[in-house]
Amino acid sequence: MDQMEITIYAKRGCPHCRRAKRFLRRRGYAFEALDMTDNGGLHAWLACFTSRETVPYFFIDHRPVGGFRIIQALDRSGDLDRLVRGKV
């Protein structure tokens, strides 16, 4: 499957992060998960760059997309697949 790069910022033990990764796997998307659990610098960068301090947070093709609710809404509308395939 040709797709844009998906990066998910997550923390160990976070139930929302586990659900988000399972969601992506079930849809067949390849992704990189960056663990911020013990990385205060990465967490600070994400908070500064996105104005959000919560995880999971998704980037597609190095562009900030949002949290899990945004990804779910994009999936329901069909826009997630178009975005991941670079057709948006």
PDB file of N, CA and C in Angstrom:
ATOM      1  N   MET A   1       0.845  -1.173   0.000  1.00  0.00           N
ATOM      2  CA  MET A   1       0.000   0.000   0.000  1.00  0.00           C
ATOM      3  C   MET A   1       0.892   1.239   0.000  1.00  0.00           C
ATOM      4  N   ASP A   2       0.689   2.122  -0.957  1.00  0.00           N
ATOM      5  CA  ASP A   2       1.401   3.392  -0.973  1.00  0.00           C
ATOM      6  C   ASP A   2       0.699   4.351  -0.039  1.00  0.00           C
ATOM      7  N   GLN A   3       1.483   4.931   0.855  1.00  0.00           N
ATOM      8  CA  GLN A   3       0.887   5.852   1.805  1.00  0.00           C
ATOM      9  C   GLN A   3       1.915   6.883   2.236  1.00  0.00           C
ATOM     10  N   MET A   4       1.421   7.970   2.778  1.00  0.00           N
ATOM     11  CA  MET A   4       2.272   8.993   3.358  1.00  0.00           C
ATOM     12  C   MET A   4       2.774   8.473   4.706  1.00  0.00           C
ATOM     13  N   GLU A   5       3.829   9.090   5.202  1.00  0.00           N
ATOM     14  CA  GLU A   5       4.370   8.690   6.497  1.00  0.00           C
ATOM     15  C   GLU A   5       3.427   9.101   7.625  1.00  0.00           C
ATOM     16  N   ILE A   6       3.130   8.172   8.520  1.00  0.00           N
ATOM     17  CA  ILE A   6       2.295   8.447   9.693  1.00  0.00           C
ATOM     18  C   ILE A   6       3.171   8.305  10.925  1.00  0.00           C
ATOM     19  N   THR A   7       3.142   9.319  11.769  1.00  0.00           N
ATOM     20  CA  THR A   7       3.856   9.281  13.037  1.00  0.00           C
ATOM     21  C   THR A   7       2.850   9.538  14.143  1.00  0.00           C
ATOM     22  N   ILE A   8       2.905   8.703  15.170  1.00  0.00           N
ATOM     23  CA  ILE A   8       2.029   8.889  16.319  1.00  0.00           C
ATOM     24  C   ILE A   8       2.912   9.086  17.553  1.00  0.00           C
ATOM     25  N   TYR A   9       2.672  10.166  18.241  1.00  0.00           N
ATOM     26  CA  TYR A   9       3.355  10.443  19.504  1.00  0.00           C
ATOM     27  C   TYR A   9       2.495   9.839  20.605  1.00  0.00           C
ATOM     28  N   ALA A  10       3.116   9.007  21.444  1.00  0.00           N
ATOM     29  CA  ALA A  10       2.354   8.247  22.422  1.00  0.00           C
ATOM     30  C   ALA A  10       3.171   8.063  23.697  1.00  0.00           C
ATOM     31  N   LYS A  11       2.505   7.510  24.710  1.00  0.00           N
ATOM     32  CA  LYS A  11       3.167   7.164  25.968  1.00  0.00           C
ATOM     33  C   LYS A  11       2.815   5.732  26.341  1.00  0.00           C
ATOM     34  N   ARG A  12       3.778   5.036  26.962  1.00  0.00           N
ATOM     35  CA  ARG A  12       3.519   3.682  27.450  1.00  0.00           C
ATOM     36  C   ARG A  12       2.417   3.730  28.496  1.00  0.00           C
ATOM     37  N   GLY A  13       1.573   2.745  28.478  1.00  0.00           N
ATOM     38  CA  GLY A  13       0.514   2.633  29.466  1.00  0.00           C
ATOM     39  C   GLY A  13      -0.697   3.505  29.190  1.00  0.00           C
ATOM     40  N   CYS A  14      -0.667   4.278  28.146  1.00  0.00           N
ATOM     41  CA  CYS A  14      -1.785   5.166  27.799  1.00  0.00           C
ATOM     42  C   CYS A  14      -2.839   4.358  27.029  1.00  0.00           C
ATOM     43  N   PRO A  15      -4.036   4.198  27.594  1.00  0.00           N
ATOM     44  CA  PRO A  15      -5.050   3.391  26.898  1.00  0.00           C
ATOM     45  C   PRO A  15      -5.487   4.016  25.571  1.00  0.00           C
ATOM     46  N   HIS A  16      -5.527   5.333  25.489  1.00  0.00           N
ATOM     47  CA  HIS A  16      -5.913   5.983  24.237  1.00  0.00           C
ATOM     48  C   HIS A  16      -4.856   5.747  23.164  1.00  0.00           C
ATOM     49  N   CYS A  17      -3.592   5.724  23.577  1.00  0.00           N
ATOM     50  CA  CYS A  17      -2.504   5.466  22.631  1.00  0.00           C
ATOM     51  C   CYS A  17      -2.577   4.044  22.096  1.00  0.00           C
ATOM     52  N   ARG A  18      -2.851   3.093  22.980  1.00  0.00           N
ATOM     53  CA  ARG A  18      -2.992   1.693  22.534  1.00  0.00           C
ATOM     54  C   ARG A  18      -4.144   1.556  21.550  1.00  0.00           C
ATOM     55  N   ARG A  19      -5.266   2.201  21.847  1.00  0.00           N
ATOM     56  CA  ARG A  19      -6.424   2.136  20.941  1.00  0.00           C
ATOM     57  C   ARG A  19      -6.089   2.764  19.598  1.00  0.00           C
ATOM     58  N   ALA A  20      -5.374   3.886  19.621  1.00  0.00           N
ATOM     59  CA  ALA A  20      -5.030   4.581  18.383  1.00  0.00           C
ATOM     60  C   ALA A  20      -4.120   3.724  17.506  1.00  0.00           C
ATOM     61  N   LYS A  21      -3.137   3.079  18.111  1.00  0.00           N
ATOM     62  CA  LYS A  21      -2.236   2.221  17.339  1.00  0.00           C
ATOM     63  C   LYS A  21      -2.982   1.005  16.789  1.00  0.00           C
ATOM     64  N   ARG A  22      -3.850   0.424  17.597  1.00  0.00           N
ATOM     65  CA  ARG A  22      -4.654  -0.716  17.137  1.00  0.00           C
ATOM     66  C   ARG A  22      -5.546  -0.282  15.967  1.00  0.00           C
ATOM     67  N   PHE A  23      -6.126   0.901  16.067  1.00  0.00           N
ATOM     68  CA  PHE A  23      -6.968   1.465  15.017  1.00  0.00           C
ATOM     69  C   PHE A  23      -6.196   1.534  13.687  1.00  0.00           C
ATOM     70  N   LEU A  24      -4.974   2.077  13.732  1.00  0.00           N
ATOM     71  CA  LEU A  24      -4.169   2.199  12.519  1.00  0.00           C
ATOM     72  C   LEU A  24      -3.795   0.828  11.957  1.00  0.00           C
ATOM     73  N   ARG A  25      -3.429  -0.091  12.837  1.00  0.00           N
ATOM     74  CA  ARG A  25      -3.084  -1.446  12.378  1.00  0.00           C
ATOM     75  C   ARG A  25      -4.265  -2.122  11.687  1.00  0.00           C
ATOM     76  N   ARG A  26      -5.440  -1.987  12.281  1.00  0.00           N
ATOM     77  CA  ARG A  26      -6.631  -2.636  11.702  1.00  0.00           C
ATOM     78  C   ARG A  26      -6.976  -2.081  10.327  1.00  0.00           C
ATOM     79  N   ARG A  27      -6.612  -0.853  10.084  1.00  0.00           N
ATOM     80  CA  ARG A  27      -6.871  -0.258   8.771  1.00  0.00           C
ATOM     81  C   ARG A  27      -5.724  -0.499   7.789  1.00  0.00           C
ATOM     82  N   GLY A  28      -4.694  -1.171   8.264  1.00  0.00           N
ATOM     83  CA  GLY A  28      -3.591  -1.552   7.386  1.00  0.00           C
ATOM     84  C   GLY A  28      -2.565  -0.471   7.148  1.00  0.00           C
ATOM     85  N   TYR A  29      -2.540   0.547   7.969  1.00  0.00           N
ATOM     86  CA  TYR A  29      -1.579   1.636   7.800  1.00  0.00           C
ATOM     87  C   TYR A  29      -0.281   1.330   8.526  1.00  0.00           C
ATOM     88  N   ALA A  30       0.828   1.585   7.864  1.00  0.00           N
ATOM     89  CA  ALA A  30       2.133   1.514   8.514  1.00  0.00           C
ATOM     90  C   ALA A  30       2.339   2.833   9.244  1.00  0.00           C
ATOM     91  N   PHE A  31       2.970   2.781  10.405  1.00  0.00           N
ATOM     92  CA  PHE A  31       3.197   4.010  11.160  1.00  0.00           C
ATOM     93  C   PHE A  31       4.402   3.852  12.062  1.00  0.00           C
ATOM     94  N   GLU A  32       4.938   4.969  12.477  1.00  0.00           N
ATOM     95  CA  GLU A  32       6.012   4.999  13.458  1.00  0.00           C
ATOM     96  C   GLU A  32       5.430   5.567  14.742  1.00  0.00           C
ATOM     97  N   ALA A  33       5.639   4.873  15.849  1.00  0.00           N
ATOM     98  CA  ALA A  33       5.169   5.350  17.144  1.00  0.00           C
ATOM     99  C   ALA A  33       6.374   5.867  17.929  1.00  0.00           C
ATOM    100  N   LEU A  34       6.322   7.124  18.307  1.00  0.00           N
ATOM    101  CA  LEU A  34       7.385   7.713  19.109  1.00  0.00           C
ATOM    102  C   LEU A  34       6.942   7.742  20.561  1.00  0.00           C
ATOM    103  N   ASP A  35       7.697   7.072  21.414  1.00  0.00           N
ATOM    104  CA  ASP A  35       7.365   6.970  22.830  1.00  0.00           C
ATOM    105  C   ASP A  35       7.908   8.182  23.576  1.00  0.00           C
ATOM    106  N   MET A  36       7.013   8.958  24.151  1.00  0.00           N
ATOM    107  CA  MET A  36       7.377  10.165  24.881  1.00  0.00           C
ATOM    108  C   MET A  36       7.401   9.946  26.385  1.00  0.00           C
ATOM    109  N   THR A  37       7.235   8.717  26.836  1.00  0.00           N
ATOM    110  CA  THR A  37       7.093   8.432  28.264  1.00  0.00           C
ATOM    111  C   THR A  37       8.219   9.031  29.091  1.00  0.00           C
ATOM    112  N   ASP A  38       9.439   8.799  28.709  1.00  0.00           N
ATOM    113  CA  ASP A  38      10.590   9.273  29.474  1.00  0.00           C
ATOM    114  C   ASP A  38      11.372  10.342  28.727  1.00  0.00           C
ATOM    115  N   ASN A  39      10.730  11.036  27.826  1.00  0.00           N
ATOM    116  CA  ASN A  39      11.419  12.030  27.014  1.00  0.00           C
ATOM    117  C   ASN A  39      10.761  13.393  27.183  1.00  0.00           C
ATOM    118  N   GLY A  40      11.157  14.112  28.223  1.00  0.00           N
ATOM    119  CA  GLY A  40      10.583  15.422  28.502  1.00  0.00           C
ATOM    120  C   GLY A  40      10.811  16.426  27.397  1.00  0.00           C
ATOM    121  N   GLY A  41      11.959  16.325  26.721  1.00  0.00           N
ATOM    122  CA  GLY A  41      12.250  17.243  25.619  1.00  0.00           C
ATOM    123  C   GLY A  41      11.294  17.054  24.456  1.00  0.00           C
ATOM    124  N   LEU A  42      11.020  15.818  24.108  1.00  0.00           N
ATOM    125  CA  LEU A  42      10.083  15.533  23.018  1.00  0.00           C
ATOM    126  C   LEU A  42       8.679  15.984  23.402  1.00  0.00           C
ATOM    127  N   HIS A  43       8.307  15.757  24.641  1.00  0.00           N
ATOM    128  CA  HIS A  43       6.993  16.180  25.125  1.00  0.00           C
ATOM    129  C   HIS A  43       6.881  17.706  25.069  1.00  0.00           C
ATOM    130  N   ALA A  44       7.919  18.416  25.486  1.00  0.00           N
ATOM    131  CA  ALA A  44       7.914  19.882  25.450  1.00  0.00           C
ATOM    132  C   ALA A  44       7.828  20.387  24.012  1.00  0.00           C
ATOM    133  N   TRP A  45       8.570  19.732  23.106  1.00  0.00           N
ATOM    134  CA  TRP A  45       8.516  20.140  21.701  1.00  0.00           C
ATOM    135  C   TRP A  45       7.107  19.966  21.144  1.00  0.00           C
ATOM    136  N   LEU A  46       6.502  18.815  21.410  1.00  0.00           N
ATOM    137  CA  LEU A  46       5.154  18.566  20.897  1.00  0.00           C
ATOM    138  C   LEU A  46       4.167  19.589  21.444  1.00  0.00           C
ATOM    139  N   ALA A  47       4.251  19.880  22.733  1.00  0.00           N
ATOM    140  CA  ALA A  47       3.345  20.857  23.350  1.00  0.00           C
ATOM    141  C   ALA A  47       3.541  22.234  22.738  1.00  0.00           C
ATOM    142  N   CYS A  48       4.769  22.619  22.491  1.00  0.00           N
ATOM    143  CA  CYS A  48       5.047  23.934  21.896  1.00  0.00           C
ATOM    144  C   CYS A  48       4.586  23.988  20.439  1.00  0.00           C
ATOM    145  N   PHE A  49       4.876  22.921  19.687  1.00  0.00           N
ATOM    146  CA  PHE A  49       4.584  22.893  18.253  1.00  0.00           C
ATOM    147  C   PHE A  49       3.092  22.787  17.969  1.00  0.00           C
ATOM    148  N   THR A  50       2.367  22.034  18.798  1.00  0.00           N
ATOM    149  CA  THR A  50       0.952  21.772  18.510  1.00  0.00           C
ATOM    150  C   THR A  50      -0.001  22.477  19.462  1.00  0.00           C
ATOM    151  N   SER A  51       0.523  23.059  20.523  1.00  0.00           N
ATOM    152  CA  SER A  51      -0.298  23.684  21.577  1.00  0.00           C
ATOM    153  C   SER A  51      -1.167  22.654  22.292  1.00  0.00           C
ATOM    154  N   ARG A  52      -0.752  21.393  22.250  1.00  0.00           N
ATOM    155  CA  ARG A  52      -1.454  20.313  22.946  1.00  0.00           C
ATOM    156  C   ARG A  52      -0.461  19.540  23.780  1.00  0.00           C
ATOM    157  N   GLU A  53      -0.887  19.140  24.943  1.00  0.00           N
ATOM    158  CA  GLU A  53      -0.011  18.370  25.814  1.00  0.00           C
ATOM    159  C   GLU A  53      -0.473  16.928  25.968  1.00  0.00           C
ATOM    160  N   THR A  54      -1.532  16.564  25.281  1.00  0.00           N
ATOM    161  CA  THR A  54      -2.079  15.219  25.430  1.00  0.00           C
ATOM    162  C   THR A  54      -1.656  14.327  24.268  1.00  0.00           C
ATOM    163  N   VAL A  55      -1.641  13.047  24.544  1.00  0.00           N
ATOM    164  CA  VAL A  55      -1.340  12.053  23.520  1.00  0.00           C
ATOM    165  C   VAL A  55      -2.508  11.078  23.466  1.00  0.00           C
ATOM    166  N   PRO A  56      -2.684  10.411  22.375  1.00  0.00           N
ATOM    167  CA  PRO A  56      -1.831  10.373  21.198  1.00  0.00           C
ATOM    168  C   PRO A  56      -2.021  11.608  20.317  1.00  0.00           C
ATOM    169  N   TYR A  57      -0.997  11.879  19.533  1.00  0.00           N
ATOM    170  CA  TYR A  57      -1.063  12.973  18.567  1.00  0.00           C
ATOM    171  C   TYR A  57      -0.473  12.457  17.260  1.00  0.00           C
ATOM    172  N   PHE A  58      -1.134  12.767  16.155  1.00  0.00           N
ATOM    173  CA  PHE A  58      -0.780  12.218  14.848  1.00  0.00           C
ATOM    174  C   PHE A  58      -0.212  13.284  13.916  1.00  0.00           C
ATOM    175  N   PHE A  59       0.811  12.868  13.189  1.00  0.00           N
ATOM    176  CA  PHE A  59       1.336  13.641  12.070  1.00  0.00           C
ATOM    177  C   PHE A  59       1.215  12.749  10.843  1.00  0.00           C
ATOM    178  N   ILE A  60       0.796  13.331   9.733  1.00  0.00           N
ATOM    179  CA  ILE A  60       0.770  12.615   8.464  1.00  0.00           C
ATOM    180  C   ILE A  60       1.572  13.437   7.477  1.00  0.00           C
ATOM    181  N   ASP A  61       2.578  12.814   6.900  1.00  0.00           N
ATOM    182  CA  ASP A  61       3.503  13.482   5.990  1.00  0.00           C
ATOM    183  C   ASP A  61       4.129  14.698   6.665  1.00  0.00           C
ATOM    184  N   HIS A  62       4.499  14.535   7.920  1.00  0.00           N
ATOM    185  CA  HIS A  62       5.153  15.571   8.735  1.00  0.00           C
ATOM    186  C   HIS A  62       4.253  16.768   9.033  1.00  0.00           C
ATOM    187  N   ARG A  63       2.970  16.642   8.753  1.00  0.00           N
ATOM    188  CA  ARG A  63       2.019  17.718   9.059  1.00  0.00           C
ATOM    189  C   ARG A  63       1.192  17.324  10.275  1.00  0.00           C
ATOM    190  N   PRO A  64       1.036  18.235  11.237  1.00  0.00           N
ATOM    191  CA  PRO A  64       0.219  17.911  12.407  1.00  0.00           C
ATOM    192  C   PRO A  64      -1.241  17.752  12.006  1.00  0.00           C
ATOM    193  N   VAL A  65      -1.847  16.664  12.466  1.00  0.00           N
ATOM    194  CA  VAL A  65      -3.247  16.388  12.139  1.00  0.00           C
ATOM    195  C   VAL A  65      -4.123  16.543  13.370  1.00  0.00           C
ATOM    196  N   GLY A  66      -3.733  15.946  14.477  1.00  0.00           N
ATOM    197  CA  GLY A  66      -4.522  16.068  15.691  1.00  0.00           C
ATOM    198  C   GLY A  66      -4.518  14.791  16.493  1.00  0.00           C
ATOM    199  N   GLY A  67      -5.428  14.732  17.438  1.00  0.00           N
ATOM    200  CA  GLY A  67      -5.542  13.592  18.326  1.00  0.00           C
ATOM    201  C   GLY A  67      -6.401  12.485  17.735  1.00  0.00           C
ATOM    202  N   PHE A  68      -6.663  11.500  18.565  1.00  0.00           N
ATOM    203  CA  PHE A  68      -7.381  10.310  18.113  1.00  0.00           C
ATOM    204  C   PHE A  68      -8.794  10.635  17.646  1.00  0.00           C
ATOM    205  N   ARG A  69      -9.470  11.540  18.308  1.00  0.00           N
ATOM    206  CA  ARG A  69     -10.840  11.897  17.872  1.00  0.00           C
ATOM    207  C   ARG A  69     -10.843  12.487  16.465  1.00  0.00           C
ATOM    208  N   ILE A  70      -9.843  13.281  16.154  1.00  0.00           N
ATOM    209  CA  ILE A  70      -9.736  13.863  14.799  1.00  0.00           C
ATOM    210  C   ILE A  70      -9.515  12.744  13.786  1.00  0.00           C
ATOM    211  N   ILE A  71      -8.624  11.813  14.115  1.00  0.00           N
ATOM    212  CA  ILE A  71      -8.343  10.693  13.213  1.00  0.00           C
ATOM    213  C   ILE A  71      -9.607   9.862  12.983  1.00  0.00           C
ATOM    214  N   GLN A  72     -10.360   9.616  14.044  1.00  0.00           N
ATOM    215  CA  GLN A  72     -11.605   8.854  13.914  1.00  0.00           C
ATOM    216  C   GLN A  72     -12.612   9.602  13.039  1.00  0.00           C
ATOM    217  N   ALA A  73     -12.727  10.912  13.226  1.00  0.00           N
ATOM    218  CA  ALA A  73     -13.662  11.701  12.411  1.00  0.00           C
ATOM    219  C   ALA A  73     -13.229  11.690  10.944  1.00  0.00           C
ATOM    220  N   LEU A  74     -11.936  11.810  10.697  1.00  0.00           N
ATOM    221  CA  LEU A  74     -11.435  11.751   9.318  1.00  0.00           C
ATOM    222  C   LEU A  74     -11.721  10.388   8.704  1.00  0.00           C
ATOM    223  N   ASP A  75     -11.602   9.339   9.489  1.00  0.00           N
ATOM    224  CA  ASP A  75     -11.886   7.990   9.007  1.00  0.00           C
ATOM    225  C   ASP A  75     -13.359   7.847   8.641  1.00  0.00           C
ATOM    226  N   ARG A  76     -14.234   8.329   9.518  1.00  0.00           N
ATOM    227  CA  ARG A  76     -15.677   8.224   9.245  1.00  0.00           C
ATOM    228  C   ARG A  76     -16.071   8.960   7.962  1.00  0.00           C
ATOM    229  N   SER A  77     -15.413  10.081   7.693  1.00  0.00           N
ATOM    230  CA  SER A  77     -15.766  10.863   6.506  1.00  0.00           C
ATOM    231  C   SER A  77     -15.092  10.337   5.237  1.00  0.00           C
ATOM    232  N   GLY A  78     -14.123   9.428   5.395  1.00  0.00           N
ATOM    233  CA  GLY A  78     -13.379   8.926   4.245  1.00  0.00           C
ATOM    234  C   GLY A  78     -12.148   9.759   3.934  1.00  0.00           C
ATOM    235  N   ASP A  79     -11.969  10.862   4.655  1.00  0.00           N
ATOM    236  CA  ASP A  79     -10.846  11.755   4.380  1.00  0.00           C
ATOM    237  C   ASP A  79      -9.521  11.204   4.885  1.00  0.00           C
ATOM    238  N   LEU A  80      -9.541  10.334   5.886  1.00  0.00           N
ATOM    239  CA  LEU A  80      -8.284   9.791   6.407  1.00  0.00           C
ATOM    240  C   LEU A  80      -7.566   9.004   5.318  1.00  0.00           C
ATOM    241  N   ASP A  81      -8.263   8.143   4.624  1.00  0.00           N
ATOM    242  CA  ASP A  81      -7.629   7.348   3.581  1.00  0.00           C
ATOM    243  C   ASP A  81      -7.085   8.246   2.463  1.00  0.00           C
ATOM    244  N   ARG A  82      -7.836   9.260   2.095  1.00  0.00           N
ATOM    245  CA  ARG A  82      -7.344  10.179   1.056  1.00  0.00           C
ATOM    246  C   ARG A  82      -6.110  10.932   1.544  1.00  0.00           C
ATOM    247  N   LEU A  83      -6.116  11.356   2.786  1.00  0.00           N
ATOM    248  CA  LEU A  83      -4.979  12.068   3.356  1.00  0.00           C
ATOM    249  C   LEU A  83      -3.752  11.168   3.419  1.00  0.00           C
ATOM    250  N   VAL A  84      -3.938   9.942   3.876  1.00  0.00           N
ATOM    251  CA  VAL A  84      -2.820   8.997   3.997  1.00  0.00           C
ATOM    252  C   VAL A  84      -2.255   8.636   2.632  1.00  0.00           C
ATOM    253  N   ARG A  85      -3.098   8.596   1.632  1.00  0.00           N
ATOM    254  CA  ARG A  85      -2.645   8.255   0.278  1.00  0.00           C
ATOM    255  C   ARG A  85      -2.159   9.468  -0.514  1.00  0.00           C
ATOM    256  N   GLY A  86      -2.178  10.659   0.115  1.00  0.00           N
ATOM    257  CA  GLY A  86      -1.671  11.854  -0.546  1.00  0.00           C
ATOM    258  C   GLY A  86      -2.603  12.414  -1.590  1.00  0.00           C
ATOM    259  N   LYS A  87      -3.897  12.159  -1.443  1.00  0.00           N
ATOM    260  CA  LYS A  87      -4.877  12.626  -2.427  1.00  0.00           C
ATOM    261  C   LYS A  87      -5.681  13.805  -1.926  1.00  0.00           C
ATOM    262  N   VAL A  88      -5.192  14.444  -0.878  1.00  0.00           N
ATOM    263  CA  VAL A  88      -5.863  15.641  -0.341  1.00  0.00           C
ATOM    264  C   VAL A  88      -4.897  16.787  -0.420  1.00  0.00           C
TER     265      VAL A  88
END
